[in-house]
N, C-alpha and C. Protein backbone atom coordinates (compact mmCIF):
# COMPACT_ATOMS: atom_id res chain seq x y z
N UNK A 1 4.53 -2.30 11.55
CA UNK A 1 3.11 -2.31 11.87
C UNK A 1 2.94 -1.54 13.19
N UNK A 2 2.14 -0.51 13.15
CA UNK A 2 1.91 0.32 14.33
C UNK A 2 1.08 -0.44 15.37
N UNK A 3 1.09 0.00 16.62
CA UNK A 3 0.23 -0.65 17.63
C UNK A 3 -1.25 -0.67 17.22
N UNK A 4 -1.72 0.40 16.59
CA UNK A 4 -3.12 0.44 16.14
C UNK A 4 -3.37 -0.61 15.06
N UNK A 5 -2.44 -0.73 14.11
CA UNK A 5 -2.56 -1.75 13.07
C UNK A 5 -2.49 -3.16 13.68
N UNK A 6 -1.63 -3.33 14.68
CA UNK A 6 -1.53 -4.62 15.34
C UNK A 6 -2.87 -5.01 15.97
N UNK A 7 -3.47 -4.07 16.67
CA UNK A 7 -4.77 -4.33 17.30
C UNK A 7 -5.83 -4.65 16.25
N UNK A 8 -5.83 -3.91 15.14
CA UNK A 8 -6.79 -4.16 14.07
C UNK A 8 -6.57 -5.55 13.47
N UNK A 9 -5.30 -5.92 13.30
CA UNK A 9 -5.00 -7.25 12.76
C UNK A 9 -5.49 -8.35 13.69
N UNK A 10 -5.23 -8.21 14.99
CA UNK A 10 -5.66 -9.21 15.97
C UNK A 10 -7.17 -9.38 15.91
N UNK A 11 -7.89 -8.27 15.83
CA UNK A 11 -9.35 -8.33 15.75
C UNK A 11 -9.80 -9.01 14.45
N UNK A 12 -9.21 -8.62 13.33
CA UNK A 12 -9.57 -9.21 12.03
C UNK A 12 -9.25 -10.70 12.02
N UNK A 13 -8.10 -11.06 12.57
CA UNK A 13 -7.73 -12.47 12.63
C UNK A 13 -8.75 -13.25 13.46
N UNK A 14 -9.09 -12.72 14.62
CA UNK A 14 -10.06 -13.38 15.49
C UNK A 14 -11.42 -13.54 14.83
N UNK A 15 -11.82 -12.56 14.04
CA UNK A 15 -13.13 -12.60 13.37
C UNK A 15 -13.14 -13.53 12.15
N UNK A 16 -11.99 -13.73 11.52
CA UNK A 16 -11.98 -14.44 10.24
C UNK A 16 -11.22 -15.76 10.22
N UNK A 17 -10.26 -15.92 11.11
CA UNK A 17 -9.45 -17.14 11.08
C UNK A 17 -9.60 -17.90 12.40
N UNK A 18 -9.24 -17.25 13.48
CA UNK A 18 -9.39 -17.79 14.85
C UNK A 18 -8.77 -19.16 15.05
N UNK A 19 -7.64 -19.42 14.39
CA UNK A 19 -6.94 -20.68 14.62
C UNK A 19 -6.00 -20.57 15.82
N UNK A 20 -5.83 -19.36 16.33
CA UNK A 20 -5.00 -19.13 17.52
C UNK A 20 -5.73 -18.12 18.40
N UNK A 21 -5.38 -18.11 19.67
CA UNK A 21 -6.03 -17.18 20.60
C UNK A 21 -5.60 -15.75 20.31
N UNK A 22 -6.43 -14.81 20.72
CA UNK A 22 -6.09 -13.39 20.56
C UNK A 22 -4.75 -13.07 21.22
N UNK A 23 -4.49 -13.66 22.37
CA UNK A 23 -3.24 -13.40 23.09
C UNK A 23 -2.04 -13.89 22.29
N UNK A 24 -2.15 -15.11 21.72
CA UNK A 24 -1.05 -15.65 20.91
C UNK A 24 -0.83 -14.79 19.66
N UNK A 25 -1.92 -14.38 19.04
CA UNK A 25 -1.81 -13.56 17.83
C UNK A 25 -1.17 -12.22 18.18
N UNK A 26 -1.63 -11.59 19.24
CA UNK A 26 -1.08 -10.29 19.65
C UNK A 26 0.41 -10.39 19.94
N UNK A 27 0.82 -11.45 20.63
CA UNK A 27 2.24 -11.64 20.94
C UNK A 27 3.05 -11.88 19.67
N UNK A 28 2.54 -12.71 18.77
CA UNK A 28 3.22 -12.99 17.51
C UNK A 28 3.38 -11.71 16.69
N UNK A 29 2.30 -10.95 16.57
CA UNK A 29 2.33 -9.72 15.77
C UNK A 29 3.28 -8.70 16.39
N UNK A 30 3.28 -8.59 17.71
CA UNK A 30 4.19 -7.66 18.38
C UNK A 30 5.64 -8.03 18.06
N UNK A 31 5.95 -9.30 18.17
CA UNK A 31 7.32 -9.77 17.88
C UNK A 31 7.65 -9.62 16.39
N UNK A 32 6.68 -9.89 15.53
CA UNK A 32 6.86 -9.72 14.08
C UNK A 32 7.18 -8.27 13.75
N UNK A 33 6.42 -7.35 14.38
CA UNK A 33 6.62 -5.92 14.13
C UNK A 33 7.99 -5.45 14.60
N UNK A 34 8.55 -6.13 15.58
CA UNK A 34 9.88 -5.78 16.07
C UNK A 34 10.98 -6.41 15.23
N UNK A 35 10.60 -7.21 14.26
CA UNK A 35 11.57 -7.82 13.35
C UNK A 35 12.23 -9.08 13.88
N UNK A 36 11.63 -9.69 14.90
CA UNK A 36 12.20 -10.92 15.45
C UNK A 36 12.10 -12.06 14.44
N UNK A 37 13.06 -12.97 14.50
CA UNK A 37 13.02 -14.19 13.69
C UNK A 37 12.10 -15.17 14.41
N UNK A 38 10.96 -15.46 13.83
CA UNK A 38 9.93 -16.24 14.51
C UNK A 38 9.83 -17.65 13.97
N UNK A 39 9.38 -18.55 14.82
CA UNK A 39 9.08 -19.93 14.44
C UNK A 39 7.66 -19.96 13.87
N UNK A 40 7.54 -20.30 12.59
CA UNK A 40 6.24 -20.27 11.93
C UNK A 40 5.53 -21.63 11.97
N UNK A 41 5.81 -22.44 12.97
CA UNK A 41 5.18 -23.75 13.05
C UNK A 41 3.81 -23.68 13.70
N UNK A 42 3.07 -24.72 13.61
CA UNK A 42 1.75 -24.93 14.21
C UNK A 42 0.81 -23.76 13.95
N UNK A 43 0.23 -23.19 15.01
CA UNK A 43 -0.74 -22.10 14.85
C UNK A 43 -0.12 -20.87 14.19
N UNK A 44 1.16 -20.71 14.35
CA UNK A 44 1.81 -19.52 13.82
C UNK A 44 1.80 -19.48 12.29
N UNK A 45 1.68 -20.63 11.65
CA UNK A 45 1.61 -20.66 10.19
C UNK A 45 0.39 -19.88 9.71
N UNK A 46 -0.75 -20.09 10.35
CA UNK A 46 -1.95 -19.36 9.92
C UNK A 46 -1.82 -17.87 10.21
N UNK A 47 -1.14 -17.52 11.29
CA UNK A 47 -0.96 -16.10 11.60
C UNK A 47 -0.06 -15.46 10.54
N UNK A 48 1.01 -16.13 10.18
CA UNK A 48 1.92 -15.58 9.17
C UNK A 48 1.23 -15.47 7.82
N UNK A 49 0.44 -16.48 7.46
CA UNK A 49 -0.32 -16.42 6.21
C UNK A 49 -1.26 -15.21 6.24
N UNK A 50 -1.91 -15.02 7.38
CA UNK A 50 -2.84 -13.88 7.51
C UNK A 50 -2.10 -12.56 7.44
N UNK A 51 -0.91 -12.48 8.04
CA UNK A 51 -0.12 -11.24 7.96
C UNK A 51 0.25 -10.94 6.52
N UNK A 52 0.64 -11.97 5.78
CA UNK A 52 0.98 -11.76 4.36
C UNK A 52 -0.22 -11.24 3.58
N UNK A 53 -1.40 -11.81 3.83
CA UNK A 53 -2.61 -11.32 3.16
C UNK A 53 -2.94 -9.89 3.61
N UNK A 54 -2.78 -9.62 4.89
CA UNK A 54 -3.01 -8.28 5.45
C UNK A 54 -2.10 -7.26 4.75
N UNK A 55 -0.81 -7.59 4.67
CA UNK A 55 0.14 -6.68 4.02
C UNK A 55 -0.17 -6.48 2.55
N UNK A 56 -0.57 -7.56 1.86
CA UNK A 56 -0.97 -7.43 0.46
C UNK A 56 -2.20 -6.54 0.32
N UNK A 57 -3.14 -6.68 1.24
CA UNK A 57 -4.34 -5.82 1.21
C UNK A 57 -4.00 -4.36 1.40
N UNK A 58 -3.10 -4.08 2.33
CA UNK A 58 -2.66 -2.69 2.56
C UNK A 58 -1.95 -2.16 1.33
N UNK A 59 -1.07 -2.97 0.74
CA UNK A 59 -0.36 -2.56 -0.46
C UNK A 59 -1.34 -2.27 -1.60
N UNK A 60 -2.34 -3.14 -1.77
CA UNK A 60 -3.35 -2.94 -2.81
C UNK A 60 -4.13 -1.64 -2.57
N UNK A 61 -4.52 -1.40 -1.32
CA UNK A 61 -5.27 -0.17 -1.00
C UNK A 61 -4.44 1.06 -1.30
N UNK A 62 -3.15 1.01 -0.98
CA UNK A 62 -2.27 2.16 -1.27
C UNK A 62 -2.12 2.37 -2.77
N UNK A 63 -2.00 1.27 -3.51
CA UNK A 63 -1.91 1.37 -4.97
C UNK A 63 -3.18 2.00 -5.54
N UNK A 64 -4.33 1.58 -5.01
CA UNK A 64 -5.60 2.14 -5.48
C UNK A 64 -5.68 3.62 -5.14
N UNK A 65 -5.22 4.00 -3.97
CA UNK A 65 -5.23 5.41 -3.57
C UNK A 65 -4.32 6.21 -4.49
N UNK A 66 -3.16 5.63 -4.82
CA UNK A 66 -2.25 6.32 -5.74
C UNK A 66 -2.86 6.44 -7.13
N UNK A 67 -3.54 5.39 -7.58
CA UNK A 67 -4.21 5.46 -8.88
C UNK A 67 -5.27 6.55 -8.85
N UNK A 68 -5.94 6.65 -7.74
CA UNK A 68 -6.99 7.64 -7.62
C UNK A 68 -6.42 9.05 -7.77
N UNK A 69 -5.31 9.33 -7.11
CA UNK A 69 -4.71 10.66 -7.20
C UNK A 69 -4.15 10.89 -8.61
N UNK A 70 -3.64 9.84 -9.23
CA UNK A 70 -3.15 9.97 -10.61
C UNK A 70 -4.31 10.26 -11.54
N UNK A 71 -5.42 9.55 -11.36
CA UNK A 71 -6.61 9.79 -12.19
C UNK A 71 -7.11 11.22 -12.00
N UNK A 72 -7.10 11.70 -10.75
CA UNK A 72 -7.53 13.07 -10.49
C UNK A 72 -6.60 14.07 -11.16
N UNK A 73 -5.30 13.79 -11.11
CA UNK A 73 -4.34 14.69 -11.75
C UNK A 73 -4.54 14.72 -13.26
N UNK A 74 -4.79 13.56 -13.85
CA UNK A 74 -5.05 13.50 -15.30
C UNK A 74 -6.31 14.28 -15.65
N UNK A 75 -7.36 14.13 -14.85
CA UNK A 75 -8.59 14.89 -15.09
C UNK A 75 -8.32 16.39 -15.03
N UNK A 76 -7.52 16.82 -14.03
CA UNK A 76 -7.20 18.24 -13.92
C UNK A 76 -6.37 18.70 -15.11
N UNK A 77 -5.47 17.85 -15.58
CA UNK A 77 -4.66 18.19 -16.76
C UNK A 77 -5.56 18.39 -17.98
N UNK A 78 -6.55 17.53 -18.14
CA UNK A 78 -7.48 17.67 -19.26
C UNK A 78 -8.21 19.01 -19.19
N UNK A 79 -8.64 19.38 -17.99
CA UNK A 79 -9.32 20.67 -17.80
C UNK A 79 -8.37 21.81 -18.16
N UNK A 80 -7.14 21.74 -17.65
CA UNK A 80 -6.16 22.79 -17.93
C UNK A 80 -5.86 22.89 -19.43
N UNK A 81 -5.72 21.75 -20.08
CA UNK A 81 -5.43 21.75 -21.52
C UNK A 81 -6.59 22.36 -22.29
N UNK A 82 -7.81 21.99 -21.93
CA UNK A 82 -8.99 22.57 -22.59
C UNK A 82 -9.05 24.08 -22.41
N UNK A 83 -8.53 24.59 -21.30
CA UNK A 83 -8.49 26.03 -21.05
C UNK A 83 -7.27 26.70 -21.69
N UNK A 84 -6.34 25.87 -22.19
CA UNK A 84 -5.12 26.41 -22.77
C UNK A 84 -4.10 26.80 -21.71
N UNK A 85 -4.24 26.31 -20.49
CA UNK A 85 -3.33 26.65 -19.40
C UNK A 85 -2.40 25.46 -19.14
N UNK A 86 -1.15 25.61 -19.54
CA UNK A 86 -0.17 24.54 -19.40
C UNK A 86 0.82 24.79 -18.27
N UNK A 87 0.64 25.83 -17.51
CA UNK A 87 1.59 26.23 -16.48
C UNK A 87 1.83 25.13 -15.44
N UNK A 88 0.76 24.63 -14.83
CA UNK A 88 0.91 23.61 -13.78
C UNK A 88 1.47 22.31 -14.35
N UNK A 89 1.04 21.95 -15.56
CA UNK A 89 1.54 20.73 -16.18
C UNK A 89 3.04 20.85 -16.44
N UNK A 90 3.47 21.99 -16.95
CA UNK A 90 4.89 22.22 -17.21
C UNK A 90 5.70 22.16 -15.91
N UNK A 91 5.16 22.74 -14.84
CA UNK A 91 5.86 22.70 -13.55
C UNK A 91 5.97 21.26 -13.04
N UNK A 92 4.92 20.50 -13.21
CA UNK A 92 4.93 19.10 -12.78
C UNK A 92 5.93 18.29 -13.61
N UNK A 93 5.92 18.48 -14.92
CA UNK A 93 6.83 17.74 -15.80
C UNK A 93 8.29 18.13 -15.57
N UNK A 94 8.52 19.34 -15.10
CA UNK A 94 9.88 19.78 -14.80
C UNK A 94 10.50 18.96 -13.67
N UNK A 95 9.67 18.32 -12.85
CA UNK A 95 10.17 17.51 -11.73
C UNK A 95 10.43 16.06 -12.15
N UNK A 96 10.08 15.70 -13.39
CA UNK A 96 10.25 14.33 -13.87
C UNK A 96 11.61 14.19 -14.54
N UNK A 97 12.31 13.10 -14.22
CA UNK A 97 13.61 12.82 -14.82
C UNK A 97 13.47 12.78 -16.35
N UNK A 98 14.40 13.41 -17.04
CA UNK A 98 14.33 13.51 -18.51
C UNK A 98 14.24 12.15 -19.20
N UNK A 99 14.88 11.13 -18.63
CA UNK A 99 14.84 9.81 -19.29
C UNK A 99 13.41 9.28 -19.37
N UNK A 100 12.57 9.62 -18.37
CA UNK A 100 11.18 9.19 -18.42
C UNK A 100 10.40 9.99 -19.45
N UNK A 101 10.71 11.25 -19.57
CA UNK A 101 10.05 12.08 -20.58
C UNK A 101 10.40 11.60 -21.98
N UNK A 102 11.70 11.28 -22.19
CA UNK A 102 12.11 10.74 -23.50
C UNK A 102 11.40 9.43 -23.79
N UNK A 103 11.23 8.60 -22.77
CA UNK A 103 10.54 7.32 -22.95
C UNK A 103 9.06 7.51 -23.28
N UNK A 104 8.48 8.60 -22.81
CA UNK A 104 7.07 8.87 -23.06
C UNK A 104 6.82 9.38 -24.47
N UNK A 105 7.73 10.17 -24.96
CA UNK A 105 7.58 10.80 -26.28
C UNK A 105 7.67 9.73 -27.38
N UNK A 106 6.71 9.76 -28.32
CA UNK A 106 6.73 8.79 -29.41
C UNK A 106 7.93 9.08 -30.31
N UNK A 107 8.40 8.04 -30.98
CA UNK A 107 9.60 8.16 -31.81
C UNK A 107 9.31 8.61 -33.23
N UNK A 108 8.10 8.98 -33.54
CA UNK A 108 7.74 9.37 -34.90
C UNK A 108 8.36 10.68 -35.30
């Protein structure tokens, strides 16, 4: 977690949970980001729960962003296919491991 993300988390925690002071949250997050083994008792339980939700939210946003780029690529492929231009698609598929291509192809 970058310092900017840490600051954003402290602010979000303060606005939405506030079971611990901003100073305690900032210190916990700093130590968490450094990989320290932390005591998750008392107020720290809510901070750790919030960090887990924060990380899940970031993961979800990244997945959505990836889906978005995949959807855009599929749309472009449809345009290329309608034009009869398979060059870019072939170049892209050349970078895919053959086992995945075999798995994609129907067995008929």
